Amino acid sequence: MHTIYGVRVRLATWNVNSAKVRLPRLLDWLDRRRPDVVTLQETKLPDQEFDAVFGAELAARGYAYAHAGDGRWNGVAVLSRVGLDDVAVGFPGQPGFPDPAGPPESRAIAASCAGIRVWSLYVPNGRTPDDPHFGYKLAWLKALAAVLPAVDVANTVLTGDMNIAPTDADVWDPSKFGNSTHVTPEERAALAELTGTGLTDVLRARWPTERVFTYWDYRAGAFHQDLGMRIDLVLAGGAVAGRVRSVWVDRQARKGTGPSDHAPVMVDLDEAPDGDIGPVVPPPSSPGGELKPGRGATRRRRGGR
């Protein structure tokens, strides 16, 4: 697989937290931001229903797509206007849950788009560190890391809801999290194993010290107070990372009525149509603050999926 230079690519990843519920917002966002490649997580649709709901709308906008979902809480997709080849659902060694030897959940899909191997990943939540789901999360990440040495990492991008805040700088107040998932040393070590294969967290590479979040709980006014977490990541191999011209969080997509609790992460390769904007667009008006009494800092788990 060879990189295709001279093809400007806007790449975006977004956990939509139910694609059907988000349909009007998602289509409007595609029309406004005009990404060339989009990865979606938590579509919560079986493949046939995704086709029925989105097929004609995406085709009218020039997108080919690949989707993997069973209609429950997971589901992942890749949309592309710059080619969609060699689609692969899941990865070798991907464990199931609760039986590791059982069928894998719909949490990973990959396709080649304009010479880039693009993955859409919805990493297991982990629930709590003493839950079997936490062990599943770590095993899932370890299996993914084991696959990467055999691929062209330089031209690979892992995108999606990683359900891990890479460092304390990626949560609004580390002292509020205690021994919660998303911030444990074990999870962060598993994420570091992925990046250790030659992948770069492109947002942090561009914005190393800025306050940047991609997820805000629906409760207690967390979004308006900018009490969030950065758990949606774009991890790019060297050839792709070297082409990055801008990277930013589309906070506008989290505003208004009926949003997802996540915001898209946008990455422009080779050319930045809107300039080197960021890290958050638009920036929050009231960063910081405290959650209202009675609310903890642990991420709302939507069933701990």
C-alpha atoms as a PDB file:
ATOM      1  CA  MET A   1       0.000   0.000   0.000  1.00  0.00           C
ATOM      2  CA  HIS A   2       1.419   3.380  -0.995  1.00  0.00           C
ATOM      3  CA  THR A   3       0.595   6.837   0.236  1.00  0.00           C
ATOM      4  CA  ILE A   4      -1.207   8.947  -2.356  1.00  0.00           C
ATOM      5  CA  TYR A   5       0.234  12.424  -2.028  1.00  0.00           C
ATOM      6  CA  GLY A   6      -1.427  15.483  -3.484  1.00  0.00           C
ATOM      7  CA  VAL A   7      -4.863  14.305  -2.357  1.00  0.00           C
ATOM      8  CA  ARG A   8      -6.044  16.656   0.355  1.00  0.00           C
ATOM      9  CA  VAL A   9      -7.853  14.608   2.967  1.00  0.00           C
ATOM     10  CA  ARG A  10      -9.991  15.781   5.862  1.00  0.00           C
ATOM     11  CA  LEU A  11     -10.305  12.906   8.311  1.00  0.00           C
ATOM     12  CA  ALA A  12     -12.771  12.904  11.193  1.00  0.00           C
ATOM     13  CA  THR A  13     -13.765  10.492  13.944  1.00  0.00           C
ATOM     14  CA  TRP A  14     -16.974  10.715  15.958  1.00  0.00           C
ATOM     15  CA  ASN A  15     -18.746   8.564  18.523  1.00  0.00           C
ATOM     16  CA  VAL A  16     -22.308   9.471  17.560  1.00  0.00           C
ATOM     17  CA  ASN A  17     -23.975   7.521  20.401  1.00  0.00           C
ATOM     18  CA  SER A  18     -26.735   6.136  18.141  1.00  0.00           C
ATOM     19  CA  ALA A  19     -26.476   7.008  14.457  1.00  0.00           C
ATOM     20  CA  LYS A  20     -30.231   6.830  13.850  1.00  0.00           C
ATOM     21  CA  VAL A  21     -31.009   9.217  16.694  1.00  0.00           C
ATOM     22  CA  ARG A  22     -28.293  11.533  15.422  1.00  0.00           C
ATOM     23  CA  LEU A  23     -29.342  11.293  11.754  1.00  0.00           C
ATOM     24  CA  PRO A  24     -30.304  14.957  11.089  1.00  0.00           C
ATOM     25  CA  ARG A  25     -27.311  16.269  12.991  1.00  0.00           C
ATOM     26  CA  LEU A  26     -24.903  13.851  11.318  1.00  0.00           C
ATOM     27  CA  LEU A  27     -26.055  14.701   7.800  1.00  0.00           C
ATOM     28  CA  ASP A  28     -25.960  18.430   8.508  1.00  0.00           C
ATOM     29  CA  TRP A  29     -22.455  18.051   9.943  1.00  0.00           C
ATOM     30  CA  LEU A  30     -21.292  16.169   6.830  1.00  0.00           C
ATOM     31  CA  ASP A  31     -22.632  18.995   4.670  1.00  0.00           C
ATOM     32  CA  ARG A  32     -20.990  21.716   6.753  1.00  0.00           C
ATOM     33  CA  ARG A  33     -17.597  20.192   7.503  1.00  0.00           C
ATOM     34  CA  ARG A  34     -17.270  18.110   4.322  1.00  0.00           C
ATOM     35  CA  PRO A  35     -14.869  15.481   5.667  1.00  0.00           C
ATOM     36  CA  ASP A  36     -13.388  13.106   3.126  1.00  0.00           C
ATOM     37  CA  VAL A  37     -13.040  10.170   5.505  1.00  0.00           C
ATOM     38  CA  VAL A  38     -15.200   9.676   8.600  1.00  0.00           C
ATOM     39  CA  THR A  39     -15.063   6.959  11.219  1.00  0.00           C
ATOM     40  CA  LEU A  40     -18.102   6.458  13.421  1.00  0.00           C
ATOM     41  CA  GLN A  41     -18.495   4.579  16.672  1.00  0.00           C
ATOM     42  CA  GLU A  42     -21.469   3.418  18.707  1.00  0.00           C
ATOM     43  CA  THR A  43     -23.824   3.448  15.739  1.00  0.00           C
ATOM     44  CA  LYS A  44     -26.146   1.037  17.585  1.00  0.00           C
ATOM     45  CA  LEU A  45     -27.560  -0.314  14.327  1.00  0.00           C
ATOM     46  CA  PRO A  46     -27.450  -3.671  12.562  1.00  0.00           C
ATOM     47  CA  ASP A  47     -25.918  -3.549   9.096  1.00  0.00           C
ATOM     48  CA  GLN A  48     -29.208  -3.796   7.206  1.00  0.00           C
ATOM     49  CA  GLU A  49     -30.769  -0.926   9.125  1.00  0.00           C
ATOM     50  CA  PHE A  50     -27.679   1.238   8.677  1.00  0.00           C
ATOM     51  CA  ASP A  51     -27.993   0.610   4.932  1.00  0.00           C
ATOM     52  CA  ALA A  52     -31.682   1.502   4.951  1.00  0.00           C
ATOM     53  CA  VAL A  53     -31.255   4.676   6.994  1.00  0.00           C
ATOM     54  CA  PHE A  54     -27.986   6.006   5.592  1.00  0.00           C
ATOM     55  CA  GLY A  55     -27.297   4.335   2.242  1.00  0.00           C
ATOM     56  CA  ALA A  56     -29.076   6.793  -0.066  1.00  0.00           C
ATOM     57  CA  GLU A  57     -28.108   9.850   1.981  1.00  0.00           C
ATOM     58  CA  LEU A  58     -24.431   8.932   1.954  1.00  0.00           C
ATOM     59  CA  ALA A  59     -24.438   8.030  -1.731  1.00  0.00           C
ATOM     60  CA  ALA A  60     -25.974  11.419  -2.562  1.00  0.00           C
ATOM     61  CA  ARG A  61     -23.010  13.027  -0.799  1.00  0.00           C
ATOM     62  CA  GLY A  62     -20.454  10.894  -2.596  1.00  0.00           C
ATOM     63  CA  TYR A  63     -19.588   8.550   0.265  1.00  0.00           C
ATOM     64  CA  ALA A  64     -18.905   4.864   0.037  1.00  0.00           C
ATOM     65  CA  TYR A  65     -19.139   3.180   3.405  1.00  0.00           C
ATOM     66  CA  ALA A  66     -18.516   0.020   5.381  1.00  0.00           C
ATOM     67  CA  HIS A  67     -20.399  -0.726   8.591  1.00  0.00           C
ATOM     68  CA  ALA A  68     -20.260  -3.460  11.206  1.00  0.00           C
ATOM     69  CA  GLY A  69     -22.994  -3.605  13.820  1.00  0.00           C
ATOM     70  CA  ASP A  70     -25.466  -5.932  15.461  1.00  0.00           C
ATOM     71  CA  GLY A  71     -27.969  -3.358  16.699  1.00  0.00           C
ATOM     72  CA  ARG A  72     -26.901  -3.236  20.318  1.00  0.00           C
ATOM     73  CA  TRP A  73     -24.664  -0.697  22.032  1.00  0.00           C
ATOM     74  CA  ASN A  74     -21.676  -0.935  19.700  1.00  0.00           C
ATOM     75  CA  GLY A  75     -21.319  -0.622  15.925  1.00  0.00           C
ATOM     76  CA  VAL A  76     -18.540   1.014  13.864  1.00  0.00           C
ATOM     77  CA  ALA A  77     -18.270   2.443  10.369  1.00  0.00           C
ATOM     78  CA  VAL A  78     -15.913   4.037   7.851  1.00  0.00           C
ATOM     79  CA  LEU A  79     -17.260   6.548   5.307  1.00  0.00           C
ATOM     80  CA  SER A  80     -15.064   7.730   2.443  1.00  0.00           C
ATOM     81  CA  ARG A  81     -15.152   9.961  -0.625  1.00  0.00           C
ATOM     82  CA  VAL A  82     -11.555   9.080  -1.571  1.00  0.00           C
ATOM     83  CA  GLY A  83     -11.818   5.335  -2.017  1.00  0.00           C
ATOM     84  CA  LEU A  84     -12.843   2.446   0.214  1.00  0.00           C
ATOM     85  CA  ASP A  85     -10.927  -0.766  -0.363  1.00  0.00           C
ATOM     86  CA  ASP A  86      -9.865  -3.925   1.464  1.00  0.00           C
ATOM     87  CA  VAL A  87     -12.503  -3.669   4.196  1.00  0.00           C
ATOM     88  CA  ALA A  88     -11.840  -5.835   7.226  1.00  0.00           C
ATOM     89  CA  VAL A  89     -14.211  -6.318  10.158  1.00  0.00           C
ATOM     90  CA  GLY A  90     -12.512  -7.038  13.460  1.00  0.00           C
ATOM     91  CA  PHE A  91      -8.898  -8.162  13.766  1.00  0.00           C
ATOM     92  CA  PRO A  92      -7.079 -11.455  14.308  1.00  0.00           C
ATOM     93  CA  GLY A  93      -7.208 -12.569  17.909  1.00  0.00           C
ATOM     94  CA  GLN A  94      -9.981 -10.127  18.881  1.00  0.00           C
ATOM     95  CA  PRO A  95     -11.540 -11.581  22.040  1.00  0.00           C
ATOM     96  CA  GLY A  96     -15.241 -11.909  22.695  1.00  0.00           C
ATOM     97  CA  PHE A  97     -17.155 -11.167  25.877  1.00  0.00           C
ATOM     98  CA  PRO A  98     -18.045 -12.683  28.282  1.00  0.00           C
ATOM     99  CA  ASP A  99     -16.387 -15.694  26.667  1.00  0.00           C
ATOM    100  CA  PRO A 100     -13.044 -14.669  25.124  1.00  0.00           C
ATOM    101  CA  ALA A 101     -13.435 -17.518  22.647  1.00  0.00           C
ATOM    102  CA  GLY A 102     -16.920 -16.376  21.688  1.00  0.00           C
ATOM    103  CA  PRO A 103     -17.853 -14.209  18.709  1.00  0.00           C
ATOM    104  CA  PRO A 104     -16.225 -10.751  18.818  1.00  0.00           C
ATOM    105  CA  GLU A 105     -18.380  -7.680  19.274  1.00  0.00           C
ATOM    106  CA  SER A 106     -18.736  -5.066  16.521  1.00  0.00           C
ATOM    107  CA  ARG A 107     -15.969  -2.804  17.752  1.00  0.00           C
ATOM    108  CA  ALA A 108     -13.419  -2.625  14.930  1.00  0.00           C
ATOM    109  CA  ILE A 109     -13.476  -2.070  11.186  1.00  0.00           C
ATOM    110  CA  ALA A 110     -10.717  -1.014   8.792  1.00  0.00           C
ATOM    111  CA  ALA A 111     -10.515   0.125   5.181  1.00  0.00           C
ATOM    112  CA  SER A 112      -7.976   1.665   2.830  1.00  0.00           C
ATOM    113  CA  CYS A 113      -8.820   5.234   1.845  1.00  0.00           C
ATOM    114  CA  ALA A 114      -6.515   7.290  -0.413  1.00  0.00           C
ATOM    115  CA  GLY A 115      -3.586   5.066   0.510  1.00  0.00           C
ATOM    116  CA  ILE A 116      -4.203   5.235   4.263  1.00  0.00           C
ATOM    117  CA  ARG A 117      -5.276   2.246   6.309  1.00  0.00           C
ATOM    118  CA  VAL A 118      -8.043   3.730   8.444  1.00  0.00           C
ATOM    119  CA  TRP A 119      -9.406   1.955  11.515  1.00  0.00           C
ATOM    120  CA  SER A 120     -12.596   2.818  13.365  1.00  0.00           C
ATOM    121  CA  LEU A 121     -12.370   1.509  16.931  1.00  0.00           C
ATOM    122  CA  TYR A 122     -14.792   1.414  19.823  1.00  0.00           C
ATOM    123  CA  VAL A 123     -12.683   0.138  22.696  1.00  0.00           C
ATOM    124  CA  PRO A 124     -14.594  -1.635  25.497  1.00  0.00           C
ATOM    125  CA  ASN A 125     -15.511   0.639  28.393  1.00  0.00           C
ATOM    126  CA  GLY A 126     -14.202  -1.552  31.212  1.00  0.00           C
ATOM    127  CA  ARG A 127     -16.987  -0.530  33.603  1.00  0.00           C
ATOM    128  CA  THR A 128     -14.979  -0.686  36.853  1.00  0.00           C
ATOM    129  CA  PRO A 129     -11.475  -2.001  37.574  1.00  0.00           C
ATOM    130  CA  ASP A 130     -12.909  -4.977  39.516  1.00  0.00           C
ATOM    131  CA  ASP A 131     -15.367  -5.950  36.769  1.00  0.00           C
ATOM    132  CA  PRO A 132     -14.619  -8.765  34.260  1.00  0.00           C
ATOM    133  CA  HIS A 133     -15.235  -6.170  31.539  1.00  0.00           C
ATOM    134  CA  PHE A 134     -12.042  -4.407  32.632  1.00  0.00           C
ATOM    135  CA  GLY A 135      -9.987  -7.533  31.975  1.00  0.00           C
ATOM    136  CA  TYR A 136     -11.762  -7.838  28.628  1.00  0.00           C
ATOM    137  CA  LYS A 137     -10.794  -4.260  27.787  1.00  0.00           C
ATOM    138  CA  LEU A 138      -7.117  -4.912  28.505  1.00  0.00           C
ATOM    139  CA  ALA A 139      -7.148  -8.204  26.574  1.00  0.00           C
ATOM    140  CA  TRP A 140      -8.858  -6.485  23.629  1.00  0.00           C
ATOM    141  CA  LEU A 141      -6.189  -3.766  23.506  1.00  0.00           C
ATOM    142  CA  LYS A 142      -3.373  -6.289  23.845  1.00  0.00           C
ATOM    143  CA  ALA A 143      -4.750  -8.300  20.927  1.00  0.00           C
ATOM    144  CA  LEU A 144      -4.969  -5.129  18.831  1.00  0.00           C
ATOM    145  CA  ALA A 145      -1.371  -4.191  19.654  1.00  0.00           C
ATOM    146  CA  ALA A 146      -0.244  -7.674  18.636  1.00  0.00           C
ATOM    147  CA  VAL A 147      -1.662  -7.137  15.135  1.00  0.00           C
ATOM    148  CA  LEU A 148       0.133  -3.873  14.387  1.00  0.00           C
ATOM    149  CA  PRO A 149       3.688  -5.133  13.820  1.00  0.00           C
ATOM    150  CA  ALA A 150       2.403  -7.049  10.797  1.00  0.00           C
ATOM    151  CA  VAL A 151       0.824  -4.006   9.106  1.00  0.00           C
ATOM    152  CA  ASP A 152       2.189  -0.913   7.355  1.00  0.00           C
ATOM    153  CA  VAL A 153       2.094   1.213  10.494  1.00  0.00           C
ATOM    154  CA  ALA A 154       3.541   4.288   8.760  1.00  0.00           C
ATOM    155  CA  ASN A 155       0.408   4.574   6.609  1.00  0.00           C
ATOM    156  CA  THR A 156      -2.047   3.483   9.305  1.00  0.00           C
ATOM    157  CA  VAL A 157      -4.415   5.550  11.437  1.00  0.00           C
ATOM    158  CA  LEU A 158      -6.228   4.207  14.487  1.00  0.00           C
ATOM    159  CA  THR A 159      -9.212   6.404  15.238  1.00  0.00           C
ATOM    160  CA  GLY A 160     -12.165   6.315  17.565  1.00  0.00           C
ATOM    161  CA  ASP A 161     -13.436   6.144  21.093  1.00  0.00           C
ATOM    162  CA  MET A 162     -10.523   4.610  22.973  1.00  0.00           C
ATOM    163  CA  ASN A 163     -12.261   4.939  26.351  1.00  0.00           C
ATOM    164  CA  ILE A 164      -8.898   5.985  27.833  1.00  0.00           C
ATOM    165  CA  ALA A 165      -7.661   9.436  28.783  1.00  0.00           C
ATOM    166  CA  PRO A 166      -3.946   9.223  27.907  1.00  0.00           C
ATOM    167  CA  THR A 167      -2.716  11.442  30.759  1.00  0.00           C
ATOM    168  CA  ASP A 168      -4.068  13.447  33.679  1.00  0.00           C
ATOM    169  CA  ALA A 169      -4.065  16.484  31.390  1.00  0.00           C
ATOM    170  CA  ASP A 170      -6.845  14.769  29.437  1.00  0.00           C
ATOM    171  CA  VAL A 171      -9.436  14.887  32.238  1.00  0.00           C
ATOM    172  CA  TRP A 172     -10.953  17.973  33.790  1.00  0.00           C
ATOM    173  CA  ASP A 173      -9.836  17.157  37.338  1.00  0.00           C
ATOM    174  CA  PRO A 174      -7.774  14.008  38.021  1.00  0.00           C
ATOM    175  CA  SER A 175      -8.570  14.149  41.727  1.00  0.00           C
ATOM    176  CA  LYS A 176     -12.247  13.508  40.981  1.00  0.00           C
ATOM    177  CA  PHE A 177     -11.660  10.169  39.277  1.00  0.00           C
ATOM    178  CA  GLY A 178     -10.034   8.069  41.991  1.00  0.00           C
ATOM    179  CA  ASN A 179      -9.828   4.455  40.869  1.00  0.00           C
ATOM    180  CA  SER A 180     -12.263   4.869  37.996  1.00  0.00           C
ATOM    181  CA  THR A 181     -11.777   3.364  34.576  1.00  0.00           C
ATOM    182  CA  HIS A 182     -10.364   5.456  31.726  1.00  0.00           C
ATOM    183  CA  VAL A 183      -7.496   6.744  33.882  1.00  0.00           C
ATOM    184  CA  THR A 184      -5.909   3.657  35.461  1.00  0.00           C
ATOM    185  CA  PRO A 185      -2.221   2.866  34.940  1.00  0.00           C
ATOM    186  CA  GLU A 186      -3.171  -0.441  33.307  1.00  0.00           C
ATOM    187  CA  GLU A 187      -5.315   1.233  30.648  1.00  0.00           C
ATOM    188  CA  ARG A 188      -2.750   3.911  29.960  1.00  0.00           C
ATOM    189  CA  ALA A 189      -0.029   1.281  29.639  1.00  0.00           C
ATOM    190  CA  ALA A 190      -2.175  -0.593  27.115  1.00  0.00           C
ATOM    191  CA  LEU A 191      -2.623   2.610  25.113  1.00  0.00           C
ATOM    192  CA  ALA A 192       1.119   3.287  25.294  1.00  0.00           C
ATOM    193  CA  GLU A 193       1.699  -0.174  23.836  1.00  0.00           C
ATOM    194  CA  LEU A 194      -0.311   0.898  20.790  1.00  0.00           C
ATOM    195  CA  THR A 195       1.548   4.167  20.316  1.00  0.00           C
ATOM    196  CA  GLY A 196       4.811   2.338  20.921  1.00  0.00           C
ATOM    197  CA  THR A 197       4.374   0.573  17.585  1.00  0.00           C
ATOM    198  CA  GLY A 198       5.071   3.880  15.827  1.00  0.00           C
ATOM    199  CA  LEU A 199       1.810   5.782  16.187  1.00  0.00           C
ATOM    200  CA  THR A 200       1.460   9.432  17.235  1.00  0.00           C
ATOM    201  CA  ASP A 201      -1.417  11.055  19.100  1.00  0.00           C
ATOM    202  CA  VAL A 202      -1.686  13.837  16.534  1.00  0.00           C
ATOM    203  CA  LEU A 203      -3.828  16.176  18.601  1.00  0.00           C
ATOM    204  CA  ARG A 204      -1.380  16.199  21.495  1.00  0.00           C
ATOM    205  CA  ALA A 205       1.534  16.509  19.077  1.00  0.00           C
ATOM    206  CA  ARG A 206       0.002  19.737  17.757  1.00  0.00           C
ATOM    207  CA  TRP A 207      -1.477  21.012  21.045  1.00  0.00           C
ATOM    208  CA  PRO A 208       0.798  19.631  23.792  1.00  0.00           C
ATOM    209  CA  THR A 209      -0.377  21.772  26.718  1.00  0.00           C
ATOM    210  CA  GLU A 210      -3.860  23.054  25.850  1.00  0.00           C
ATOM    211  CA  ARG A 211      -7.049  22.008  27.624  1.00  0.00           C
ATOM    212  CA  VAL A 212      -8.835  19.785  25.090  1.00  0.00           C
ATOM    213  CA  PHE A 213     -11.730  17.400  25.663  1.00  0.00           C
ATOM    214  CA  THR A 214     -13.866  15.272  23.329  1.00  0.00           C
ATOM    215  CA  TYR A 215     -16.457  13.861  25.758  1.00  0.00           C
ATOM    216  CA  TRP A 216     -18.714  15.560  28.301  1.00  0.00           C
ATOM    217  CA  ASP A 217     -21.324  13.813  30.434  1.00  0.00           C
ATOM    218  CA  TYR A 218     -24.918  14.774  29.687  1.00  0.00           C
ATOM    219  CA  ARG A 219     -25.527  15.414  33.388  1.00  0.00           C
ATOM    220  CA  ALA A 220     -24.939  18.340  35.721  1.00  0.00           C
ATOM    221  CA  GLY A 221     -24.082  20.900  33.065  1.00  0.00           C
ATOM    222  CA  ALA A 222     -20.718  19.263  32.415  1.00  0.00           C
ATOM    223  CA  PHE A 223     -20.526  20.448  28.808  1.00  0.00           C
ATOM    224  CA  HIS A 224     -21.276  24.074  29.579  1.00  0.00           C
ATOM    225  CA  GLN A 225     -18.666  24.063  32.332  1.00  0.00           C
ATOM    226  CA  ASP A 226     -16.173  22.234  30.104  1.00  0.00           C
ATOM    227  CA  LEU A 227     -15.833  19.365  32.568  1.00  0.00           C
ATOM    228  CA  GLY A 228     -14.793  16.697  30.116  1.00  0.00           C
ATOM    229  CA  MET A 229     -12.363  14.009  29.058  1.00  0.00           C
ATOM    230  CA  ARG A 230     -10.259  13.465  25.959  1.00  0.00           C
ATOM    231  CA  ILE A 231     -10.914   9.839  25.075  1.00  0.00           C
ATOM    232  CA  ASP A 232     -11.516  10.068  21.307  1.00  0.00           C
ATOM    233  CA  LEU A 233      -8.143   9.833  19.614  1.00  0.00           C
ATOM    234  CA  VAL A 234      -6.424   9.813  16.242  1.00  0.00           C
ATOM    235  CA  LEU A 235      -3.216   7.781  16.378  1.00  0.00           C
ATOM    236  CA  ALA A 236      -1.289   8.107  13.132  1.00  0.00           C
ATOM    237  CA  GLY A 237       1.751   6.372  11.690  1.00  0.00           C
ATOM    238  CA  GLY A 238       4.742   8.440  10.695  1.00  0.00           C
ATOM    239  CA  ALA A 239       3.891   8.977   7.029  1.00  0.00           C
ATOM    240  CA  VAL A 240       0.398  10.190   7.924  1.00  0.00           C
ATOM    241  CA  ALA A 241       1.440  12.217  10.970  1.00  0.00           C
ATOM    242  CA  GLY A 242       3.929  14.084   8.794  1.00  0.00           C
ATOM    243  CA  ARG A 243       1.094  15.254   6.552  1.00  0.00           C
ATOM    244  CA  VAL A 244      -1.016  16.778   9.340  1.00  0.00           C
ATOM    245  CA  ARG A 245      -1.687  20.480   8.792  1.00  0.00           C
ATOM    246  CA  SER A 246      -4.397  21.021  11.375  1.00  0.00           C
ATOM    247  CA  VAL A 247      -6.135  19.022  14.106  1.00  0.00           C
ATOM    248  CA  TRP A 248      -9.013  20.195  16.248  1.00  0.00           C
ATOM    249  CA  VAL A 249     -12.120  19.192  18.152  1.00  0.00           C
ATOM    250  CA  ASP A 250     -15.399  20.263  16.556  1.00  0.00           C
ATOM    251  CA  ARG A 251     -17.090  21.372  19.750  1.00  0.00           C
ATOM    252  CA  GLN A 252     -19.871  22.985  17.719  1.00  0.00           C
ATOM    253  CA  ALA A 253     -21.199  19.489  16.980  1.00  0.00           C
ATOM    254  CA  ARG A 254     -21.720  18.919  20.722  1.00  0.00           C
ATOM    255  CA  LYS A 255     -23.951  22.001  21.063  1.00  0.00           C
ATOM    256  CA  GLY A 256     -27.691  22.377  20.600  1.00  0.00           C
ATOM    257  CA  THR A 257     -30.562  19.945  20.936  1.00  0.00           C
ATOM    258  CA  GLY A 258     -30.070  16.198  20.920  1.00  0.00           C
ATOM    259  CA  PRO A 259     -26.285  15.982  20.536  1.00  0.00           C
ATOM    260  CA  SER A 260     -24.008  13.042  21.092  1.00  0.00           C
ATOM    261  CA  ASP A 261     -22.040  13.274  24.309  1.00  0.00           C
ATOM    262  CA  HIS A 262     -18.875  13.199  22.171  1.00  0.00           C
ATOM    263  CA  ALA A 263     -17.520  15.763  19.699  1.00  0.00           C
ATOM    264  CA  PRO A 264     -15.744  14.911  16.432  1.00  0.00           C
ATOM    265  CA  VAL A 265     -11.977  15.109  16.152  1.00  0.00           C
ATOM    266  CA  MET A 266     -10.919  16.677  12.830  1.00  0.00           C
ATOM    267  CA  VAL A 267      -7.567  16.158  11.087  1.00  0.00           C
ATOM    268  CA  ASP A 268      -6.553  17.895   7.850  1.00  0.00           C
ATOM    269  CA  LEU A 269      -3.805  16.279   5.784  1.00  0.00           C
ATOM    270  CA  ASP A 270      -1.617  18.146   3.268  1.00  0.00           C
ATOM    271  CA  GLU A 271      -3.809  21.259   3.359  1.00  0.00           C
ATOM    272  CA  ALA A 272      -5.918  22.977   6.017  1.00  0.00           C
ATOM    273  CA  PRO A 273      -8.938  24.585   4.302  1.00  0.00           C
ATOM    274  CA  ASP A 274      -9.861  26.544   7.425  1.00  0.00           C
ATOM    275  CA  GLY A 275      -6.287  27.324   8.440  1.00  0.00           C
ATOM    276  CA  ASP A 276      -4.430  25.965  11.439  1.00  0.00           C
ATOM    277  CA  ILE A 277      -7.392  26.374  13.762  1.00  0.00           C
ATOM    278  CA  GLY A 278      -7.935  24.758  17.136  1.00  0.00           C
ATOM    279  CA  PRO A 279      -7.533  23.115  19.407  1.00  0.00           C
ATOM    280  CA  VAL A 280     -11.279  23.447  20.141  1.00  0.00           C
ATOM    281  CA  VAL A 281     -13.776  25.117  17.784  1.00  0.00           C
ATOM    282  CA  PRO A 282     -15.431  27.160  19.131  1.00  0.00           C
ATOM    283  CA  PRO A 283     -13.543  27.425  22.418  1.00  0.00           C
ATOM    284  CA  PRO A 284     -15.550  26.957  25.634  1.00  0.00           C
ATOM    285  CA  SER A 285     -16.754  30.156  27.252  1.00  0.00           C
ATOM    286  CA  SER A 286     -16.507  28.905  30.849  1.00  0.00           C
ATOM    287  CA  PRO A 287     -13.707  26.372  31.248  1.00  0.00           C
ATOM    288  CA  GLY A 288     -13.276  24.779  34.633  1.00  0.00           C
ATOM    289  CA  GLY A 289     -15.510  24.700  37.637  1.00  0.00           C
ATOM    290  CA  GLU A 290     -17.089  22.019  39.798  1.00  0.00           C
ATOM    291  CA  LEU A 291     -19.771  19.452  39.222  1.00  0.00           C
ATOM    292  CA  LYS A 292     -22.972  20.128  41.066  1.00  0.00           C
ATOM    293  CA  PRO A 293     -23.367  18.411  44.450  1.00  0.00           C
ATOM    294  CA  GLY A 294     -24.273  14.751  44.256  1.00  0.00           C
ATOM    295  CA  ARG A 295     -22.552  14.079  40.935  1.00  0.00           C
ATOM    296  CA  GLY A 296     -19.353  12.118  40.707  1.00  0.00           C
ATOM    297  CA  ALA A 297     -16.731  12.484  38.030  1.00  0.00           C
ATOM    298  CA  THR A 298     -16.930   8.980  36.645  1.00  0.00           C
ATOM    299  CA  ARG A 299     -17.993   8.852  33.029  1.00  0.00           C
ATOM    300  CA  ARG A 300     -21.617   7.911  32.472  1.00  0.00           C
ATOM    301  CA  ARG A 301     -21.335   4.437  31.032  1.00  0.00           C
ATOM    302  CA  ARG A 302     -24.616   3.951  29.170  1.00  0.00           C
ATOM    303  CA  GLY A 303     -24.813   0.427  30.553  1.00  0.00           C
ATOM    304  CA  GLY A 304     -21.068  -0.001  30.871  1.00  0.00           C
ATOM    305  CA  ARG A 305     -20.544  -1.093  27.307  1.00  0.00           C
END
